[in-house]
Amino acid sequence: MVVKNYVLINELKHYRSKLGITQKELAEFLCINPSYYNRIEKGIITPNIKLCLMIVDAIKELYAQKTGRRPEKISIERLFMLDDTD
């Protein structure tokens, strides 16, 4: 059996910036330390699936609070991808 190794790649900075949300706003909404969130965004820390889902929901909610609209194309699949390292 061949076991592949994967790394989690995130597009958080791209989408967060595009939607006008700061790292601090997102971290505060998630009740996590901004430096911890920064390390997630940089790929230093790999969040578990629960935190990934919470980040997606937080981005949607913060964007809705700012604009009155929900972002249609934000999903966990757009923000987090697995890359085969083999």
PDB file of N, CA and C in Angstrom:
ATOM      1  N   MET A   1       0.840  -1.180   0.000  1.00  0.00           N
ATOM      2  CA  MET A   1       0.000   0.000   0.000  1.00  0.00           C
ATOM      3  C   MET A   1       0.888   1.247   0.000  1.00  0.00           C
ATOM      4  N   VAL A   2       0.533   2.189  -0.836  1.00  0.00           N
ATOM      5  CA  VAL A   2       1.257   3.450  -0.919  1.00  0.00           C
ATOM      6  C   VAL A   2       0.515   4.491  -0.090  1.00  0.00           C
ATOM      7  N   VAL A   3       1.231   5.098   0.833  1.00  0.00           N
ATOM      8  CA  VAL A   3       0.645   6.156   1.658  1.00  0.00           C
ATOM      9  C   VAL A   3       1.227   7.478   1.188  1.00  0.00           C
ATOM     10  N   LYS A   4       0.358   8.374   0.798  1.00  0.00           N
ATOM     11  CA  LYS A   4       0.803   9.673   0.323  1.00  0.00           C
ATOM     12  C   LYS A   4       0.818  10.667   1.473  1.00  0.00           C
ATOM     13  N   ASN A   5       1.701  11.616   1.374  1.00  0.00           N
ATOM     14  CA  ASN A   5       1.764  12.699   2.343  1.00  0.00           C
ATOM     15  C   ASN A   5       1.134  13.940   1.731  1.00  0.00           C
ATOM     16  N   TYR A   6       0.367  14.634   2.528  1.00  0.00           N
ATOM     17  CA  TYR A   6      -0.300  15.845   2.068  1.00  0.00           C
ATOM     18  C   TYR A   6       0.022  16.989   3.015  1.00  0.00           C
ATOM     19  N   VAL A   7       0.055  18.172   2.475  1.00  0.00           N
ATOM     20  CA  VAL A   7       0.146  19.370   3.291  1.00  0.00           C
ATOM     21  C   VAL A   7      -1.099  20.209   3.016  1.00  0.00           C
ATOM     22  N   LEU A   8      -1.523  20.929   4.029  1.00  0.00           N
ATOM     23  CA  LEU A   8      -2.684  21.789   3.891  1.00  0.00           C
ATOM     24  C   LEU A   8      -2.228  23.160   3.415  1.00  0.00           C
ATOM     25  N   ILE A   9      -2.737  23.579   2.282  1.00  0.00           N
ATOM     26  CA  ILE A   9      -2.433  24.898   1.743  1.00  0.00           C
ATOM     27  C   ILE A   9      -3.672  25.759   1.942  1.00  0.00           C
ATOM     28  N   ASN A  10      -3.451  26.976   2.424  1.00  0.00           N
ATOM     29  CA  ASN A  10      -4.621  27.830   2.611  1.00  0.00           C
ATOM     30  C   ASN A  10      -4.528  29.084   1.754  1.00  0.00           C
ATOM     31  N   GLU A  11      -5.678  29.554   1.381  1.00  0.00           N
ATOM     32  CA  GLU A  11      -5.833  30.773   0.596  1.00  0.00           C
ATOM     33  C   GLU A  11      -6.471  31.860   1.461  1.00  0.00           C
ATOM     34  N   LEU A  12      -6.261  31.755   2.768  1.00  0.00           N
ATOM     35  CA  LEU A  12      -6.913  32.668   3.700  1.00  0.00           C
ATOM     36  C   LEU A  12      -6.569  34.128   3.426  1.00  0.00           C
ATOM     37  N   LYS A  13      -5.286  34.428   3.285  1.00  0.00           N
ATOM     38  CA  LYS A  13      -4.878  35.817   3.102  1.00  0.00           C
ATOM     39  C   LYS A  13      -5.521  36.412   1.849  1.00  0.00           C
ATOM     40  N   HIS A  14      -5.504  35.655   0.782  1.00  0.00           N
ATOM     41  CA  HIS A  14      -6.079  36.134  -0.482  1.00  0.00           C
ATOM     42  C   HIS A  14      -7.552  36.517  -0.315  1.00  0.00           C
ATOM     43  N   TYR A  15      -8.347  35.586   0.199  1.00  0.00           N
ATOM     44  CA  TYR A  15      -9.783  35.851   0.317  1.00  0.00           C
ATOM     45  C   TYR A  15     -10.101  36.850   1.422  1.00  0.00           C
ATOM     46  N   ARG A  16      -9.385  36.774   2.542  1.00  0.00           N
ATOM     47  CA  ARG A  16      -9.629  37.711   3.636  1.00  0.00           C
ATOM     48  C   ARG A  16      -9.362  39.135   3.167  1.00  0.00           C
ATOM     49  N   SER A  17      -8.227  39.343   2.504  1.00  0.00           N
ATOM     50  CA  SER A  17      -7.885  40.680   2.004  1.00  0.00           C
ATOM     51  C   SER A  17      -8.879  41.151   0.947  1.00  0.00           C
ATOM     52  N   LYS A  18      -9.226  40.253   0.055  1.00  0.00           N
ATOM     53  CA  LYS A  18     -10.167  40.583  -1.021  1.00  0.00           C
ATOM     54  C   LYS A  18     -11.519  41.040  -0.459  1.00  0.00           C
ATOM     55  N   LEU A  19     -11.916  40.463   0.674  1.00  0.00           N
ATOM     56  CA  LEU A  19     -13.210  40.802   1.273  1.00  0.00           C
ATOM     57  C   LEU A  19     -13.118  41.957   2.272  1.00  0.00           C
ATOM     58  N   GLY A  20     -11.910  42.497   2.474  1.00  0.00           N
ATOM     59  CA  GLY A  20     -11.752  43.649   3.354  1.00  0.00           C
ATOM     60  C   GLY A  20     -11.814  43.332   4.833  1.00  0.00           C
ATOM     61  N   ILE A  21     -11.383  42.143   5.205  1.00  0.00           N
ATOM     62  CA  ILE A  21     -11.391  41.719   6.604  1.00  0.00           C
ATOM     63  C   ILE A  21      -9.944  41.677   7.090  1.00  0.00           C
ATOM     64  N   THR A  22      -9.687  42.246   8.262  1.00  0.00           N
ATOM     65  CA  THR A  22      -8.330  42.229   8.792  1.00  0.00           C
ATOM     66  C   THR A  22      -8.087  40.941   9.593  1.00  0.00           C
ATOM     67  N   GLN A  23      -6.805  40.632   9.760  1.00  0.00           N
ATOM     68  CA  GLN A  23      -6.449  39.477  10.592  1.00  0.00           C
ATOM     69  C   GLN A  23      -6.975  39.669  12.004  1.00  0.00           C
ATOM     70  N   LYS A  24      -6.849  40.884  12.525  1.00  0.00           N
ATOM     71  CA  LYS A  24      -7.289  41.168  13.894  1.00  0.00           C
ATOM     72  C   LYS A  24      -8.791  40.954  14.044  1.00  0.00           C
ATOM     73  N   GLU A  25      -9.576  41.445  13.088  1.00  0.00           N
ATOM     74  CA  GLU A  25     -11.030  41.250  13.135  1.00  0.00           C
ATOM     75  C   GLU A  25     -11.386  39.771  13.159  1.00  0.00           C
ATOM     76  N   LEU A  26     -10.739  39.022  12.290  1.00  0.00           N
ATOM     77  CA  LEU A  26     -11.039  37.601  12.183  1.00  0.00           C
ATOM     78  C   LEU A  26     -10.628  36.859  13.453  1.00  0.00           C
ATOM     79  N   ALA A  27      -9.443  37.161  13.961  1.00  0.00           N
ATOM     80  CA  ALA A  27      -8.977  36.513  15.187  1.00  0.00           C
ATOM     81  C   ALA A  27      -9.902  36.832  16.363  1.00  0.00           C
ATOM     82  N   GLU A  28     -10.301  38.084  16.486  1.00  0.00           N
ATOM     83  CA  GLU A  28     -11.200  38.472  17.575  1.00  0.00           C
ATOM     84  C   GLU A  28     -12.550  37.776  17.445  1.00  0.00           C
ATOM     85  N   PHE A  29     -13.065  37.675  16.230  1.00  0.00           N
ATOM     86  CA  PHE A  29     -14.339  37.000  16.008  1.00  0.00           C
ATOM     87  C   PHE A  29     -14.241  35.527  16.424  1.00  0.00           C
ATOM     88  N   LEU A  30     -13.089  34.919  16.152  1.00  0.00           N
ATOM     89  CA  LEU A  30     -12.868  33.509  16.485  1.00  0.00           C
ATOM     90  C   LEU A  30     -12.437  33.299  17.937  1.00  0.00           C
ATOM     91  N   CYS A  31     -12.189  34.404  18.648  1.00  0.00           N
ATOM     92  CA  CYS A  31     -11.698  34.351  20.035  1.00  0.00           C
ATOM     93  C   CYS A  31     -10.364  33.612  20.125  1.00  0.00           C
ATOM     94  N   ILE A  32      -9.487  33.929  19.167  1.00  0.00           N
ATOM     95  CA  ILE A  32      -8.129  33.384  19.217  1.00  0.00           C
ATOM     96  C   ILE A  32      -7.149  34.550  19.143  1.00  0.00           C
ATOM     97  N   ASN A  33      -5.935  34.312  19.578  1.00  0.00           N
ATOM     98  CA  ASN A  33      -4.898  35.323  19.575  1.00  0.00           C
ATOM     99  C   ASN A  33      -4.554  35.692  18.123  1.00  0.00           C
ATOM    100  N   PRO A  34      -4.447  36.995  17.817  1.00  0.00           N
ATOM    101  CA  PRO A  34      -4.108  37.395  16.455  1.00  0.00           C
ATOM    102  C   PRO A  34      -2.796  36.787  15.944  1.00  0.00           C
ATOM    103  N   SER A  35      -1.810  36.619  16.814  1.00  0.00           N
ATOM    104  CA  SER A  35      -0.545  36.022  16.366  1.00  0.00           C
ATOM    105  C   SER A  35      -0.737  34.543  16.019  1.00  0.00           C
ATOM    106  N   TYR A  36      -1.637  33.867  16.716  1.00  0.00           N
ATOM    107  CA  TYR A  36      -1.953  32.476  16.394  1.00  0.00           C
ATOM    108  C   TYR A  36      -2.616  32.402  15.017  1.00  0.00           C
ATOM    109  N   TYR A  37      -3.567  33.303  14.767  1.00  0.00           N
ATOM    110  CA  TYR A  37      -4.215  33.328  13.459  1.00  0.00           C
ATOM    111  C   TYR A  37      -3.195  33.634  12.366  1.00  0.00           C
ATOM    112  N   ASN A  38      -2.297  34.571  12.624  1.00  0.00           N
ATOM    113  CA  ASN A  38      -1.268  34.926  11.647  1.00  0.00           C
ATOM    114  C   ASN A  38      -0.432  33.702  11.265  1.00  0.00           C
ATOM    115  N   ARG A  39      -0.101  32.880  12.243  1.00  0.00           N
ATOM    116  CA  ARG A  39       0.684  31.670  11.962  1.00  0.00           C
ATOM    117  C   ARG A  39      -0.136  30.661  11.151  1.00  0.00           C
ATOM    118  N   ILE A  40      -1.439  30.620  11.360  1.00  0.00           N
ATOM    119  CA  ILE A  40      -2.301  29.753  10.536  1.00  0.00           C
ATOM    120  C   ILE A  40      -2.261  30.249   9.094  1.00  0.00           C
ATOM    121  N   GLU A  41      -2.446  31.548   8.926  1.00  0.00           N
ATOM    122  CA  GLU A  41      -2.491  32.124   7.584  1.00  0.00           C
ATOM    123  C   GLU A  41      -1.167  31.929   6.838  1.00  0.00           C
ATOM    124  N   LYS A  42      -0.062  31.977   7.560  1.00  0.00           N
ATOM    125  CA  LYS A  42       1.257  31.783   6.950  1.00  0.00           C
ATOM    126  C   LYS A  42       1.578  30.309   6.694  1.00  0.00           C
ATOM    127  N   GLY A  43       0.747  29.408   7.216  1.00  0.00           N
ATOM    128  CA  GLY A  43       0.984  27.986   7.016  1.00  0.00           C
ATOM    129  C   GLY A  43       1.937  27.379   8.026  1.00  0.00           C
ATOM    130  N   ILE A  44       2.270  28.120   9.073  1.00  0.00           N
ATOM    131  CA  ILE A  44       3.155  27.614  10.118  1.00  0.00           C
ATOM    132  C   ILE A  44       2.412  26.625  11.002  1.00  0.00           C
ATOM    133  N   ILE A  45       1.146  26.927  11.260  1.00  0.00           N
ATOM    134  CA  ILE A  45       0.277  26.060  12.060  1.00  0.00           C
ATOM    135  C   ILE A  45      -0.804  25.494  11.146  1.00  0.00           C
ATOM    136  N   THR A  46      -1.073  24.219  11.265  1.00  0.00           N
ATOM    137  CA  THR A  46      -2.149  23.588  10.508  1.00  0.00           C
ATOM    138  C   THR A  46      -3.368  23.458  11.421  1.00  0.00           C
ATOM    139  N   PRO A  47      -4.450  24.168  11.093  1.00  0.00           N
ATOM    140  CA  PRO A  47      -5.639  24.084  11.938  1.00  0.00           C
ATOM    141  C   PRO A  47      -6.367  22.752  11.734  1.00  0.00           C
ATOM    142  N   ASN A  48      -7.069  22.331  12.770  1.00  0.00           N
ATOM    143  CA  ASN A  48      -7.885  21.117  12.624  1.00  0.00           C
ATOM    144  C   ASN A  48      -9.140  21.466  11.827  1.00  0.00           C
ATOM    145  N   ILE A  49      -9.876  20.455  11.444  1.00  0.00           N
ATOM    146  CA  ILE A  49     -11.049  20.666  10.580  1.00  0.00           C
ATOM    147  C   ILE A  49     -12.090  21.557  11.255  1.00  0.00           C
ATOM    148  N   LYS A  50     -12.241  21.433  12.559  1.00  0.00           N
ATOM    149  CA  LYS A  50     -13.217  22.260  13.267  1.00  0.00           C
ATOM    150  C   LYS A  50     -12.856  23.739  13.137  1.00  0.00           C
ATOM    151  N   LEU A  51     -11.581  24.066  13.330  1.00  0.00           N
ATOM    152  CA  LEU A  51     -11.163  25.463  13.215  1.00  0.00           C
ATOM    153  C   LEU A  51     -11.260  25.932  11.766  1.00  0.00           C
ATOM    154  N   CYS A  52     -10.957  25.075  10.808  1.00  0.00           N
ATOM    155  CA  CYS A  52     -11.119  25.439   9.392  1.00  0.00           C
ATOM    156  C   CYS A  52     -12.563  25.845   9.104  1.00  0.00           C
ATOM    157  N   LEU A  53     -13.503  25.047   9.586  1.00  0.00           N
ATOM    158  CA  LEU A  53     -14.918  25.361   9.377  1.00  0.00           C
ATOM    159  C   LEU A  53     -15.316  26.647  10.091  1.00  0.00           C
ATOM    160  N   MET A  54     -14.773  26.853  11.287  1.00  0.00           N
ATOM    161  CA  MET A  54     -15.067  28.077  12.030  1.00  0.00           C
ATOM    162  C   MET A  54     -14.533  29.300  11.290  1.00  0.00           C
ATOM    163  N   ILE A  55     -13.361  29.182  10.688  1.00  0.00           N
ATOM    164  CA  ILE A  55     -12.783  30.296   9.933  1.00  0.00           C
ATOM    165  C   ILE A  55     -13.660  30.642   8.735  1.00  0.00           C
ATOM    166  N   VAL A  56     -14.119  29.633   8.017  1.00  0.00           N
ATOM    167  CA  VAL A  56     -15.000  29.865   6.864  1.00  0.00           C
ATOM    168  C   VAL A  56     -16.264  30.597   7.312  1.00  0.00           C
ATOM    169  N   ASP A  57     -16.886  30.116   8.376  1.00  0.00           N
ATOM    170  CA  ASP A  57     -18.111  30.750   8.882  1.00  0.00           C
ATOM    171  C   ASP A  57     -17.845  32.181   9.348  1.00  0.00           C
ATOM    172  N   ALA A  58     -16.708  32.398  10.009  1.00  0.00           N
ATOM    173  CA  ALA A  58     -16.366  33.729  10.507  1.00  0.00           C
ATOM    174  C   ALA A  58     -16.173  34.707   9.351  1.00  0.00           C
ATOM    175  N   ILE A  59     -15.485  34.272   8.296  1.00  0.00           N
ATOM    176  CA  ILE A  59     -15.282  35.135   7.131  1.00  0.00           C
ATOM    177  C   ILE A  59     -16.627  35.509   6.516  1.00  0.00           C
ATOM    178  N   LYS A  60     -17.509  34.537   6.376  1.00  0.00           N
ATOM    179  CA  LYS A  60     -18.837  34.811   5.818  1.00  0.00           C
ATOM    180  C   LYS A  60     -19.599  35.806   6.684  1.00  0.00           C
ATOM    181  N   GLU A  61     -19.566  35.613   7.985  1.00  0.00           N
ATOM    182  CA  GLU A  61     -20.311  36.477   8.901  1.00  0.00           C
ATOM    183  C   GLU A  61     -19.737  37.888   8.935  1.00  0.00           C
ATOM    184  N   LEU A  62     -18.426  38.016   9.019  1.00  0.00           N
ATOM    185  CA  LEU A  62     -17.811  39.345   9.047  1.00  0.00           C
ATOM    186  C   LEU A  62     -18.078  40.108   7.751  1.00  0.00           C
ATOM    187  N   TYR A  63     -18.011  39.413   6.636  1.00  0.00           N
ATOM    188  CA  TYR A  63     -18.302  40.052   5.352  1.00  0.00           C
ATOM    189  C   TYR A  63     -19.766  40.513   5.318  1.00  0.00           C
ATOM    190  N   ALA A  64     -20.657  39.680   5.800  1.00  0.00           N
ATOM    191  CA  ALA A  64     -22.074  40.036   5.833  1.00  0.00           C
ATOM    192  C   ALA A  64     -22.311  41.247   6.733  1.00  0.00           C
ATOM    193  N   GLN A  65     -21.619  41.303   7.870  1.00  0.00           N
ATOM    194  CA  GLN A  65     -21.762  42.447   8.768  1.00  0.00           C
ATOM    195  C   GLN A  65     -21.282  43.735   8.108  1.00  0.00           C
ATOM    196  N   LYS A  66     -20.229  43.641   7.310  1.00  0.00           N
ATOM    197  CA  LYS A  66     -19.669  44.831   6.660  1.00  0.00           C
ATOM    198  C   LYS A  66     -20.482  45.290   5.457  1.00  0.00           C
ATOM    199  N   THR A  67     -21.046  44.341   4.721  1.00  0.00           N
ATOM    200  CA  THR A  67     -21.664  44.693   3.438  1.00  0.00           C
ATOM    201  C   THR A  67     -23.168  44.444   3.366  1.00  0.00           C
ATOM    202  N   GLY A  68     -23.679  43.636   4.270  1.00  0.00           N
ATOM    203  CA  GLY A  68     -25.084  43.268   4.197  1.00  0.00           C
ATOM    204  C   GLY A  68     -25.341  42.131   3.217  1.00  0.00           C
ATOM    205  N   ARG A  69     -24.270  41.598   2.622  1.00  0.00           N
ATOM    206  CA  ARG A  69     -24.382  40.489   1.665  1.00  0.00           C
ATOM    207  C   ARG A  69     -23.531  39.323   2.129  1.00  0.00           C
ATOM    208  N   ARG A  70     -23.912  38.128   1.724  1.00  0.00           N
ATOM    209  CA  ARG A  70     -23.127  36.923   2.012  1.00  0.00           C
ATOM    210  C   ARG A  70     -22.234  36.624   0.807  1.00  0.00           C
ATOM    211  N   PRO A  71     -20.954  36.321   1.039  1.00  0.00           N
ATOM    212  CA  PRO A  71     -20.108  35.936  -0.095  1.00  0.00           C
ATOM    213  C   PRO A  71     -20.552  34.572  -0.618  1.00  0.00           C
ATOM    214  N   GLU A  72     -20.822  34.490  -1.888  1.00  0.00           N
ATOM    215  CA  GLU A  72     -21.382  33.267  -2.466  1.00  0.00           C
ATOM    216  C   GLU A  72     -20.344  32.184  -2.713  1.00  0.00           C
ATOM    217  N   LYS A  73     -19.144  32.577  -3.058  1.00  0.00           N
ATOM    218  CA  LYS A  73     -18.170  31.590  -3.500  1.00  0.00           C
ATOM    219  C   LYS A  73     -17.123  31.243  -2.455  1.00  0.00           C
ATOM    220  N   ILE A  74     -17.380  31.526  -1.197  1.00  0.00           N
ATOM    221  CA  ILE A  74     -16.441  31.161  -0.142  1.00  0.00           C
ATOM    222  C   ILE A  74     -16.887  29.834   0.451  1.00  0.00           C
ATOM    223  N   SER A  75     -16.004  28.864   0.376  1.00  0.00           N
ATOM    224  CA  SER A  75     -16.272  27.545   0.948  1.00  0.00           C
ATOM    225  C   SER A  75     -14.967  26.991   1.474  1.00  0.00           C
ATOM    226  N   ILE A  76     -15.062  25.949   2.246  1.00  0.00           N
ATOM    227  CA  ILE A  76     -13.846  25.345   2.789  1.00  0.00           C
ATOM    228  C   ILE A  76     -12.933  24.867   1.662  1.00  0.00           C
ATOM    229  N   GLU A  77     -13.516  24.437   0.557  1.00  0.00           N
ATOM    230  CA  GLU A  77     -12.708  23.963  -0.566  1.00  0.00           C
ATOM    231  C   GLU A  77     -11.927  25.096  -1.228  1.00  0.00           C
ATOM    232  N   ARG A  78     -12.427  26.319  -1.154  1.00  0.00           N
ATOM    233  CA  ARG A  78     -11.708  27.463  -1.730  1.00  0.00           C
ATOM    234  C   ARG A  78     -10.615  27.965  -0.797  1.00  0.00           C
ATOM    235  N   LEU A  79     -10.845  27.850   0.506  1.00  0.00           N
ATOM    236  CA  LEU A  79      -9.872  28.381   1.467  1.00  0.00           C
ATOM    237  C   LEU A  79      -8.778  27.385   1.831  1.00  0.00           C
ATOM    238  N   PHE A  80      -9.093  26.113   1.837  1.00  0.00           N
ATOM    239  CA  PHE A  80      -8.128  25.087   2.256  1.00  0.00           C
ATOM    240  C   PHE A  80      -8.059  23.988   1.218  1.00  0.00           C
ATOM    241  N   MET A  81      -6.822  23.654   0.806  1.00  0.00           N
ATOM    242  CA  MET A  81      -6.633  22.586  -0.185  1.00  0.00           C
ATOM    243  C   MET A  81      -5.527  21.664   0.283  1.00  0.00           C
ATOM    244  N   LEU A  82      -5.649  20.391  -0.051  1.00  0.00           N
ATOM    245  CA  LEU A  82      -4.587  19.432   0.240  1.00  0.00           C
ATOM    246  C   LEU A  82      -3.681  19.322  -0.976  1.00  0.00           C
ATOM    247  N   ASP A  83      -2.381  19.385  -0.732  1.00  0.00           N
ATOM    248  CA  ASP A  83      -1.406  19.237  -1.808  1.00  0.00           C
ATOM    249  C   ASP A  83      -0.582  17.995  -1.560  1.00  0.00           C
ATOM    250  N   ASP A  84      -0.477  17.157  -2.557  1.00  0.00           N
ATOM    251  CA  ASP A  84       0.295  15.909  -2.490  1.00  0.00           C
ATOM    252  C   ASP A  84       1.775  16.261  -2.502  1.00  0.00           C
ATOM    253  N   THR A  85       2.506  15.883  -1.467  1.00  0.00           N
ATOM    254  CA  THR A  85       3.930  16.220  -1.384  1.00  0.00           C
ATOM    255  C   THR A  85       4.821  15.146  -1.987  1.00  0.00           C
ATOM    256  N   ASP A  86       4.250  14.024  -2.437  1.00  0.00           N
ATOM    257  CA  ASP A  86       5.072  12.956  -3.030  1.00  0.00           C
ATOM    258  C   ASP A  86       5.333  13.207  -4.483  1.00  0.00           C
TER     259      ASP A  86
END
